[in-house]
Amino acid sequence: RSMNKNKFNTVQVNNKDKIKAKIDASLQAKAFGEKLSFEEKGTCPHPYGFLSNEIKMSNYTPGGDEFSVQDIDSPMQQSLFKTIHSTTFNIFDFYSTYKDDSFEIIVRYIMKSLGLYSLVNLNNLENFAKAIQQGYQKGPTYHNEIHGVDVGHTLYTFITFSTNFEEKFKFTKLHTLSLILAAFCHDLGHPGYNNSFHMNSLSSFSVKYNDKSVLESYHASESTRLLLLPENNILDSLEKNDFKIFRKHFIESILATDMTLHVKTNSI
């Protein structure tokens, strides 16, 4: 099956109204606090435990329509899609198949799998994912969108393959959301030169951020700017205090990727 850019084709069904009603009911329950089975049991989730075999839609439109591995026709693509929930996931193989759709597919899958849909405005999720994806520069061969989403996936495997991750680290869903979004955004806009270059050349980045975690400060600031655009704001329903908590942990998580801080921490 061929795929349109930025959108899967909608699966043709005989009773579209019935299917849509089931999807709406499912999303309403899950988007407003229904716990997934793995959360209740405190165990590693089955990758498709929250997907209904009866609801076969392959488009992911604003509003959070279900997507399902069963809607990917070829056996090769089915196998590749399943590896998102796997330690053997190969980001390059995934991008070679899903191309420009890859970033949003992975962001949506991970956020839904972690039970984070109850915290976000699903109407803006597509815009947000595309804004972050496009915020990564095409020039850098390493610090690009593939690296950003790959780090997000790596964090996802740490969370889902750990036993009682949130309970063990006293994480709420808000903490998990801030951490996973920080992973996706942590190198946004990276120009391809490191902090030492910017400080030694007195670049505009260095002057603006006073030689303090220059690029990391930029990544956090630019990501927040994109998030706060009305059309991208997936957190506009959070209470003011909850957003402050999110922002604090989001910024701290991105700043913590400054390698010089790793050296200082390990030397203590």
C-alpha atoms as a PDB file:
ATOM      1  CA  ARG A   1       0.000   0.000   0.000  1.00  0.00           C
ATOM      2  CA  SER A   2       1.325   3.378  -0.928  1.00  0.00           C
ATOM      3  CA  MET A   3       1.397   6.088   1.696  1.00  0.00           C
ATOM      4  CA  ASN A   4       0.765   9.807   1.284  1.00  0.00           C
ATOM      5  CA  LYS A   5       3.306  12.193   2.754  1.00  0.00           C
ATOM      6  CA  ASN A   6       2.598  13.042   6.420  1.00  0.00           C
ATOM      7  CA  LYS A   7      -0.500  10.820   6.522  1.00  0.00           C
ATOM      8  CA  PHE A   8      -1.447   7.161   6.231  1.00  0.00           C
ATOM      9  CA  ASN A   9      -4.322   6.353   3.900  1.00  0.00           C
ATOM     10  CA  THR A  10      -7.571   5.704   5.731  1.00  0.00           C
ATOM     11  CA  VAL A  11      -8.599   2.068   5.641  1.00  0.00           C
ATOM     12  CA  GLN A  12     -11.837   1.553   3.779  1.00  0.00           C
ATOM     13  CA  VAL A  13     -14.541   0.077   5.983  1.00  0.00           C
ATOM     14  CA  ASN A  14     -18.147  -0.828   5.277  1.00  0.00           C
ATOM     15  CA  ASN A  15     -19.638   0.773   8.355  1.00  0.00           C
ATOM     16  CA  LYS A  16     -17.642   3.943   8.867  1.00  0.00           C
ATOM     17  CA  ASP A  17     -20.053   5.526  11.345  1.00  0.00           C
ATOM     18  CA  LYS A  18     -19.919   2.485  13.614  1.00  0.00           C
ATOM     19  CA  ILE A  19     -16.127   2.351  13.485  1.00  0.00           C
ATOM     20  CA  LYS A  20     -15.832   6.096  14.133  1.00  0.00           C
ATOM     21  CA  ALA A  21     -18.156   5.828  17.139  1.00  0.00           C
ATOM     22  CA  LYS A  22     -15.993   3.077  18.613  1.00  0.00           C
ATOM     23  CA  ILE A  23     -12.845   5.089  18.053  1.00  0.00           C
ATOM     24  CA  ASP A  24     -14.371   8.193  19.646  1.00  0.00           C
ATOM     25  CA  ALA A  25     -15.523   6.204  22.661  1.00  0.00           C
ATOM     26  CA  SER A  26     -12.135   4.534  23.018  1.00  0.00           C
ATOM     27  CA  LEU A  27     -10.253   7.807  22.777  1.00  0.00           C
ATOM     28  CA  GLN A  28     -12.565   9.588  25.175  1.00  0.00           C
ATOM     29  CA  ALA A  29     -11.951   6.932  27.811  1.00  0.00           C
ATOM     30  CA  LYS A  30      -8.195   6.768  27.278  1.00  0.00           C
ATOM     31  CA  ALA A  31      -7.606  10.485  26.817  1.00  0.00           C
ATOM     32  CA  PHE A  32      -9.187  11.354  30.150  1.00  0.00           C
ATOM     33  CA  GLY A  33      -7.517   9.052  32.579  1.00  0.00           C
ATOM     34  CA  GLU A  34      -8.283   5.428  31.819  1.00  0.00           C
ATOM     35  CA  LYS A  35      -5.287   3.392  32.933  1.00  0.00           C
ATOM     36  CA  LEU A  36      -3.841   0.890  30.536  1.00  0.00           C
ATOM     37  CA  SER A  37      -3.525  -2.699  31.693  1.00  0.00           C
ATOM     38  CA  PHE A  38       0.246  -2.513  32.157  1.00  0.00           C
ATOM     39  CA  GLU A  39      -0.123   0.464  34.497  1.00  0.00           C
ATOM     40  CA  GLU A  40      -2.556  -1.406  36.709  1.00  0.00           C
ATOM     41  CA  LYS A  41      -0.376  -4.501  36.850  1.00  0.00           C
ATOM     42  CA  GLY A  42       2.895  -2.602  37.167  1.00  0.00           C
ATOM     43  CA  THR A  43       4.466  -4.761  34.488  1.00  0.00           C
ATOM     44  CA  CYS A  44       6.083  -4.207  31.126  1.00  0.00           C
ATOM     45  CA  PRO A  45       3.308  -3.528  28.581  1.00  0.00           C
ATOM     46  CA  HIS A  46       2.555  -5.749  25.668  1.00  0.00           C
ATOM     47  CA  PRO A  47       3.222  -3.507  22.662  1.00  0.00           C
ATOM     48  CA  TYR A  48      -0.325  -3.707  21.366  1.00  0.00           C
ATOM     49  CA  GLY A  49      -2.258  -4.255  24.565  1.00  0.00           C
ATOM     50  CA  PHE A  50      -4.149  -0.990  24.108  1.00  0.00           C
ATOM     51  CA  LEU A  51      -5.087  -1.504  20.465  1.00  0.00           C
ATOM     52  CA  SER A  52      -8.366  -3.038  19.401  1.00  0.00           C
ATOM     53  CA  ASN A  53      -8.265  -5.557  16.562  1.00  0.00           C
ATOM     54  CA  GLU A  54     -11.801  -4.512  15.704  1.00  0.00           C
ATOM     55  CA  ILE A  55     -10.857  -0.897  15.095  1.00  0.00           C
ATOM     56  CA  LYS A  56      -8.684  -0.891  12.007  1.00  0.00           C
ATOM     57  CA  MET A  57      -7.740   2.652  11.146  1.00  0.00           C
ATOM     58  CA  SER A  58      -4.304   3.511   9.809  1.00  0.00           C
ATOM     59  CA  ASN A  59      -4.522   7.296   9.722  1.00  0.00           C
ATOM     60  CA  TYR A  60      -3.299   9.402  12.600  1.00  0.00           C
ATOM     61  CA  THR A  61      -5.148  12.707  12.362  1.00  0.00           C
ATOM     62  CA  PRO A  62      -5.295  15.485  14.946  1.00  0.00           C
ATOM     63  CA  GLY A  63      -7.593  14.198  17.663  1.00  0.00           C
ATOM     64  CA  GLY A  64      -5.639  10.995  18.130  1.00  0.00           C
ATOM     65  CA  ASP A  65      -7.237   8.382  15.860  1.00  0.00           C
ATOM     66  CA  GLU A  66      -6.034   4.870  16.577  1.00  0.00           C
ATOM     67  CA  PHE A  67      -3.238   3.387  14.519  1.00  0.00           C
ATOM     68  CA  SER A  68      -2.619  -0.325  14.336  1.00  0.00           C
ATOM     69  CA  VAL A  69       0.156  -2.563  13.146  1.00  0.00           C
ATOM     70  CA  GLN A  70      -2.475  -4.707  11.396  1.00  0.00           C
ATOM     71  CA  ASP A  71      -2.988  -1.874   8.929  1.00  0.00           C
ATOM     72  CA  ILE A  72       0.542  -2.115   7.574  1.00  0.00           C
ATOM     73  CA  ASP A  73       0.129  -4.569   4.732  1.00  0.00           C
ATOM     74  CA  SER A  74       3.476  -6.140   3.952  1.00  0.00           C
ATOM     75  CA  PRO A  75       5.003  -8.664   6.408  1.00  0.00           C
ATOM     76  CA  MET A  76       8.265  -6.719   6.284  1.00  0.00           C
ATOM     77  CA  GLN A  77       6.576  -3.491   7.380  1.00  0.00           C
ATOM     78  CA  GLN A  78       4.582  -5.270  10.083  1.00  0.00           C
ATOM     79  CA  SER A  79       7.788  -6.682  11.527  1.00  0.00           C
ATOM     80  CA  LEU A  80       9.500  -3.296  11.407  1.00  0.00           C
ATOM     81  CA  PHE A  81       6.592  -1.489  13.072  1.00  0.00           C
ATOM     82  CA  LYS A  82       6.551  -4.020  15.911  1.00  0.00           C
ATOM     83  CA  THR A  83      10.187  -3.336  16.707  1.00  0.00           C
ATOM     84  CA  ILE A  84       9.303   0.079  18.172  1.00  0.00           C
ATOM     85  CA  HIS A  85       8.609  -1.867  21.359  1.00  0.00           C
ATOM     86  CA  SER A  86      11.934  -3.652  21.281  1.00  0.00           C
ATOM     87  CA  THR A  87      15.558  -3.285  22.267  1.00  0.00           C
ATOM     88  CA  THR A  88      16.486  -4.297  18.699  1.00  0.00           C
ATOM     89  CA  PHE A  89      14.761  -1.289  17.142  1.00  0.00           C
ATOM     90  CA  ASN A  90      16.723   0.086  14.164  1.00  0.00           C
ATOM     91  CA  ILE A  91      15.934   3.749  13.592  1.00  0.00           C
ATOM     92  CA  PHE A  92      17.550   3.819  10.151  1.00  0.00           C
ATOM     93  CA  ASP A  93      15.484   0.892   8.883  1.00  0.00           C
ATOM     94  CA  PHE A  94      12.348   2.553  10.220  1.00  0.00           C
ATOM     95  CA  TYR A  95      13.154   5.850   8.494  1.00  0.00           C
ATOM     96  CA  SER A  96      13.905   4.079   5.226  1.00  0.00           C
ATOM     97  CA  THR A  97      10.363   2.682   5.292  1.00  0.00           C
ATOM     98  CA  TYR A  98       8.252   5.477   6.803  1.00  0.00           C
ATOM     99  CA  LYS A  99      10.459   8.417   5.795  1.00  0.00           C
ATOM    100  CA  ASP A 100       9.049  11.832   6.830  1.00  0.00           C
ATOM    101  CA  ASP A 101       6.235  10.176   8.788  1.00  0.00           C
ATOM    102  CA  SER A 102       8.702   8.349  11.051  1.00  0.00           C
ATOM    103  CA  PHE A 103       9.169  11.059  13.679  1.00  0.00           C
ATOM    104  CA  GLU A 104       5.461  11.552  14.349  1.00  0.00           C
ATOM    105  CA  ILE A 105       4.676   7.821  14.278  1.00  0.00           C
ATOM    106  CA  ILE A 106       7.292   7.102  16.950  1.00  0.00           C
ATOM    107  CA  VAL A 107       6.325  10.119  19.097  1.00  0.00           C
ATOM    108  CA  ARG A 108       2.654   9.101  19.016  1.00  0.00           C
ATOM    109  CA  TYR A 109       3.354   5.422  19.674  1.00  0.00           C
ATOM    110  CA  ILE A 110       5.608   6.106  22.646  1.00  0.00           C
ATOM    111  CA  MET A 111       3.365   8.726  24.243  1.00  0.00           C
ATOM    112  CA  LYS A 112       0.325   6.492  23.908  1.00  0.00           C
ATOM    113  CA  SER A 113       2.163   3.404  25.134  1.00  0.00           C
ATOM    114  CA  LEU A 114       3.348   5.282  28.238  1.00  0.00           C
ATOM    115  CA  GLY A 115      -0.191   6.443  29.006  1.00  0.00           C
ATOM    116  CA  LEU A 116       0.579  10.132  28.451  1.00  0.00           C
ATOM    117  CA  TYR A 117      -2.385  10.989  26.221  1.00  0.00           C
ATOM    118  CA  SER A 118      -4.424  12.039  29.262  1.00  0.00           C
ATOM    119  CA  LEU A 119      -2.058  14.997  29.786  1.00  0.00           C
ATOM    120  CA  VAL A 120      -1.898  16.427  26.280  1.00  0.00           C
ATOM    121  CA  ASN A 121      -4.129  18.221  23.803  1.00  0.00           C
ATOM    122  CA  LEU A 122      -4.384  15.623  21.043  1.00  0.00           C
ATOM    123  CA  ASN A 123      -5.694  18.228  18.597  1.00  0.00           C
ATOM    124  CA  ASN A 124      -2.234  19.865  18.566  1.00  0.00           C
ATOM    125  CA  LEU A 125      -0.076  16.748  18.717  1.00  0.00           C
ATOM    126  CA  GLU A 126       0.498  16.465  14.979  1.00  0.00           C
ATOM    127  CA  ASN A 127       1.521  20.135  14.731  1.00  0.00           C
ATOM    128  CA  PHE A 128       3.823  19.800  17.736  1.00  0.00           C
ATOM    129  CA  ALA A 129       5.553  16.684  16.384  1.00  0.00           C
ATOM    130  CA  LYS A 130       6.056  18.291  12.976  1.00  0.00           C
ATOM    131  CA  ALA A 131       7.360  21.516  14.524  1.00  0.00           C
ATOM    132  CA  ILE A 132       9.971  19.643  16.570  1.00  0.00           C
ATOM    133  CA  GLN A 133      10.911  17.466  13.599  1.00  0.00           C
ATOM    134  CA  GLN A 134      11.375  20.509  11.359  1.00  0.00           C
ATOM    135  CA  GLY A 135      13.237  22.346  14.123  1.00  0.00           C
ATOM    136  CA  TYR A 136      16.142  19.942  13.744  1.00  0.00           C
ATOM    137  CA  GLN A 137      18.559  21.161  11.090  1.00  0.00           C
ATOM    138  CA  LYS A 138      19.243  18.973   8.061  1.00  0.00           C
ATOM    139  CA  GLY A 139      22.965  19.750   7.902  1.00  0.00           C
ATOM    140  CA  PRO A 140      24.398  17.936  10.940  1.00  0.00           C
ATOM    141  CA  THR A 141      25.087  14.275  10.213  1.00  0.00           C
ATOM    142  CA  TYR A 142      24.612  13.283  13.866  1.00  0.00           C
ATOM    143  CA  HIS A 143      22.669  15.926  15.820  1.00  0.00           C
ATOM    144  CA  ASN A 144      19.580  15.734  13.621  1.00  0.00           C
ATOM    145  CA  GLU A 145      15.956  14.605  13.945  1.00  0.00           C
ATOM    146  CA  ILE A 146      16.885  10.921  13.690  1.00  0.00           C
ATOM    147  CA  HIS A 147      19.187  11.294  16.686  1.00  0.00           C
ATOM    148  CA  GLY A 148      16.492  13.156  18.618  1.00  0.00           C
ATOM    149  CA  VAL A 149      13.806  10.534  18.114  1.00  0.00           C
ATOM    150  CA  ASP A 150      16.298   7.710  18.632  1.00  0.00           C
ATOM    151  CA  VAL A 151      17.223   9.085  22.062  1.00  0.00           C
ATOM    152  CA  GLY A 152      13.504   9.317  22.833  1.00  0.00           C
ATOM    153  CA  HIS A 153      13.088   5.670  21.883  1.00  0.00           C
ATOM    154  CA  THR A 154      16.102   4.635  23.968  1.00  0.00           C
ATOM    155  CA  LEU A 155      14.566   6.321  26.995  1.00  0.00           C
ATOM    156  CA  TYR A 156      11.270   4.581  26.219  1.00  0.00           C
ATOM    157  CA  THR A 157      12.968   1.176  26.365  1.00  0.00           C
ATOM    158  CA  PHE A 158      14.566   2.065  29.705  1.00  0.00           C
ATOM    159  CA  ILE A 159      11.141   2.947  31.087  1.00  0.00           C
ATOM    160  CA  THR A 160       9.123   0.054  29.670  1.00  0.00           C
ATOM    161  CA  PHE A 161      11.680  -2.683  30.273  1.00  0.00           C
ATOM    162  CA  SER A 162      12.310  -1.571  33.851  1.00  0.00           C
ATOM    163  CA  THR A 163      10.222  -3.007  36.655  1.00  0.00           C
ATOM    164  CA  ASN A 164       7.854  -0.431  38.164  1.00  0.00           C
ATOM    165  CA  PHE A 165       9.885   2.485  36.783  1.00  0.00           C
ATOM    166  CA  GLU A 166       7.569   5.275  37.910  1.00  0.00           C
ATOM    167  CA  GLU A 167       7.043   3.780  41.363  1.00  0.00           C
ATOM    168  CA  LYS A 168      10.747   3.091  41.857  1.00  0.00           C
ATOM    169  CA  PHE A 169      11.822   6.637  40.941  1.00  0.00           C
ATOM    170  CA  LYS A 170       8.713   8.289  42.419  1.00  0.00           C
ATOM    171  CA  PHE A 171       7.706   9.575  38.994  1.00  0.00           C
ATOM    172  CA  THR A 172       4.263  10.872  38.186  1.00  0.00           C
ATOM    173  CA  LYS A 173       2.937  10.848  34.617  1.00  0.00           C
ATOM    174  CA  LEU A 174       3.869  14.540  34.482  1.00  0.00           C
ATOM    175  CA  HIS A 175       7.501  13.687  35.266  1.00  0.00           C
ATOM    176  CA  THR A 176       7.503  10.979  32.610  1.00  0.00           C
ATOM    177  CA  LEU A 177       6.003  13.389  30.074  1.00  0.00           C
ATOM    178  CA  SER A 178       8.642  16.039  30.766  1.00  0.00           C
ATOM    179  CA  LEU A 179      11.438  13.477  30.486  1.00  0.00           C
ATOM    180  CA  ILE A 180      10.263  11.870  27.235  1.00  0.00           C
ATOM    181  CA  LEU A 181       9.585  15.226  25.535  1.00  0.00           C
ATOM    182  CA  ALA A 182      12.995  16.487  26.665  1.00  0.00           C
ATOM    183  CA  ALA A 183      14.538  13.464  24.989  1.00  0.00           C
ATOM    184  CA  PHE A 184      12.769  14.185  21.695  1.00  0.00           C
ATOM    185  CA  CYS A 185      13.746  17.874  21.867  1.00  0.00           C
ATOM    186  CA  HIS A 186      17.185  17.723  23.481  1.00  0.00           C
ATOM    187  CA  ASP A 187      19.229  18.671  20.382  1.00  0.00           C
ATOM    188  CA  LEU A 188      16.629  20.714  18.522  1.00  0.00           C
ATOM    189  CA  GLY A 189      18.217  23.270  16.192  1.00  0.00           C
ATOM    190  CA  HIS A 190      21.755  21.959  16.759  1.00  0.00           C
ATOM    191  CA  PRO A 191      24.003  23.806  14.265  1.00  0.00           C
ATOM    192  CA  GLY A 192      26.687  21.100  14.140  1.00  0.00           C
ATOM    193  CA  TYR A 193      29.376  22.818  16.248  1.00  0.00           C
ATOM    194  CA  ASN A 194      29.993  22.110  19.927  1.00  0.00           C
ATOM    195  CA  ASN A 195      29.982  24.457  22.911  1.00  0.00           C
ATOM    196  CA  SER A 196      33.751  24.959  22.841  1.00  0.00           C
ATOM    197  CA  PHE A 197      33.564  26.259  19.278  1.00  0.00           C
ATOM    198  CA  HIS A 198      30.818  28.725  20.180  1.00  0.00           C
ATOM    199  CA  MET A 199      32.616  29.994  23.271  1.00  0.00           C
ATOM    200  CA  ASN A 200      35.972  30.340  21.523  1.00  0.00           C
ATOM    201  CA  SER A 201      34.451  32.112  18.537  1.00  0.00           C
ATOM    202  CA  LEU A 202      32.163  34.308  20.664  1.00  0.00           C
ATOM    203  CA  SER A 203      29.235  33.243  18.528  1.00  0.00           C
ATOM    204  CA  SER A 204      25.765  34.708  19.014  1.00  0.00           C
ATOM    205  CA  PHE A 205      24.819  31.562  20.968  1.00  0.00           C
ATOM    206  CA  SER A 206      27.743  32.037  23.338  1.00  0.00           C
ATOM    207  CA  VAL A 207      27.003  35.722  23.887  1.00  0.00           C
ATOM    208  CA  LYS A 208      23.293  35.110  24.469  1.00  0.00           C
ATOM    209  CA  TYR A 209      23.760  32.252  26.954  1.00  0.00           C
ATOM    210  CA  ASN A 210      26.904  33.589  28.689  1.00  0.00           C
ATOM    211  CA  ASP A 211      29.028  30.493  28.039  1.00  0.00           C
ATOM    212  CA  LYS A 212      26.755  28.407  30.308  1.00  0.00           C
ATOM    213  CA  SER A 213      25.650  25.181  28.628  1.00  0.00           C
ATOM    214  CA  VAL A 214      25.381  27.216  25.450  1.00  0.00           C
ATOM    215  CA  LEU A 215      23.721  24.775  23.067  1.00  0.00           C
ATOM    216  CA  GLU A 216      21.706  22.990  25.737  1.00  0.00           C
ATOM    217  CA  SER A 217      20.241  26.322  26.833  1.00  0.00           C
ATOM    218  CA  TYR A 218      19.360  27.056  23.216  1.00  0.00           C
ATOM    219  CA  HIS A 219      17.723  23.643  22.705  1.00  0.00           C
ATOM    220  CA  ALA A 220      15.566  24.081  25.818  1.00  0.00           C
ATOM    221  CA  SER A 221      14.627  27.662  24.945  1.00  0.00           C
ATOM    222  CA  GLU A 222      13.780  26.988  21.295  1.00  0.00           C
ATOM    223  CA  SER A 223      11.796  23.857  22.148  1.00  0.00           C
ATOM    224  CA  THR A 224       9.740  25.803  24.677  1.00  0.00           C
ATOM    225  CA  ARG A 225       9.155  28.598  22.160  1.00  0.00           C
ATOM    226  CA  LEU A 226       7.771  26.101  19.635  1.00  0.00           C
ATOM    227  CA  LEU A 227       5.678  24.369  22.281  1.00  0.00           C
ATOM    228  CA  LEU A 228       4.037  27.617  23.378  1.00  0.00           C
ATOM    229  CA  LEU A 229       2.826  28.532  19.887  1.00  0.00           C
ATOM    230  CA  PRO A 230      -0.961  28.133  20.114  1.00  0.00           C
ATOM    231  CA  GLU A 231      -1.162  25.698  17.209  1.00  0.00           C
ATOM    232  CA  ASN A 232       1.579  23.490  18.747  1.00  0.00           C
ATOM    233  CA  ASN A 233       0.696  23.716  22.427  1.00  0.00           C
ATOM    234  CA  ILE A 234      -0.096  20.181  23.567  1.00  0.00           C
ATOM    235  CA  LEU A 235      -0.004  21.284  27.223  1.00  0.00           C
ATOM    236  CA  ASP A 236      -2.541  24.105  27.125  1.00  0.00           C
ATOM    237  CA  SER A 237      -4.933  22.166  29.362  1.00  0.00           C
ATOM    238  CA  LEU A 238      -2.439  21.745  32.216  1.00  0.00           C
ATOM    239  CA  GLU A 239      -2.997  23.677  35.412  1.00  0.00           C
ATOM    240  CA  LYS A 240      -0.531  26.536  35.919  1.00  0.00           C
ATOM    241  CA  ASN A 241       1.353  24.751  38.692  1.00  0.00           C
ATOM    242  CA  ASP A 242       1.532  21.515  36.700  1.00  0.00           C
ATOM    243  CA  PHE A 243       3.023  23.387  33.763  1.00  0.00           C
ATOM    244  CA  LYS A 244       5.639  24.915  36.077  1.00  0.00           C
ATOM    245  CA  ILE A 245       6.576  21.415  37.254  1.00  0.00           C
ATOM    246  CA  PHE A 246       6.746  20.190  33.666  1.00  0.00           C
ATOM    247  CA  ARG A 247       8.863  23.146  32.546  1.00  0.00           C
ATOM    248  CA  LYS A 248      11.300  22.752  35.448  1.00  0.00           C
ATOM    249  CA  HIS A 249      11.973  19.082  34.741  1.00  0.00           C
ATOM    250  CA  PHE A 250      11.938  19.578  30.964  1.00  0.00           C
ATOM    251  CA  ILE A 251      14.639  22.277  31.152  1.00  0.00           C
ATOM    252  CA  GLU A 252      16.718  20.403  33.712  1.00  0.00           C
ATOM    253  CA  SER A 253      16.644  17.246  31.603  1.00  0.00           C
ATOM    254  CA  ILE A 254      17.898  19.038  28.493  1.00  0.00           C
ATOM    255  CA  LEU A 255      20.574  21.007  30.371  1.00  0.00           C
ATOM    256  CA  ALA A 256      21.784  17.716  31.869  1.00  0.00           C
ATOM    257  CA  THR A 257      22.881  16.606  28.386  1.00  0.00           C
ATOM    258  CA  ASP A 258      25.821  19.046  28.597  1.00  0.00           C
ATOM    259  CA  MET A 259      28.763  16.628  28.647  1.00  0.00           C
ATOM    260  CA  THR A 260      30.829  18.904  30.891  1.00  0.00           C
ATOM    261  CA  LEU A 261      28.224  18.387  33.592  1.00  0.00           C
ATOM    262  CA  HIS A 262      28.701  14.625  33.243  1.00  0.00           C
ATOM    263  CA  VAL A 263      32.417  15.022  33.962  1.00  0.00           C
ATOM    264  CA  LYS A 264      31.755  17.209  37.026  1.00  0.00           C
ATOM    265  CA  THR A 265      29.138  14.818  38.352  1.00  0.00           C
ATOM    266  CA  ASN A 266      31.331  11.744  37.911  1.00  0.00           C
ATOM    267  CA  SER A 267      34.263  13.452  39.622  1.00  0.00           C
ATOM    268  CA  ILE A 268      32.327  14.026  42.853  1.00  0.00           C
END
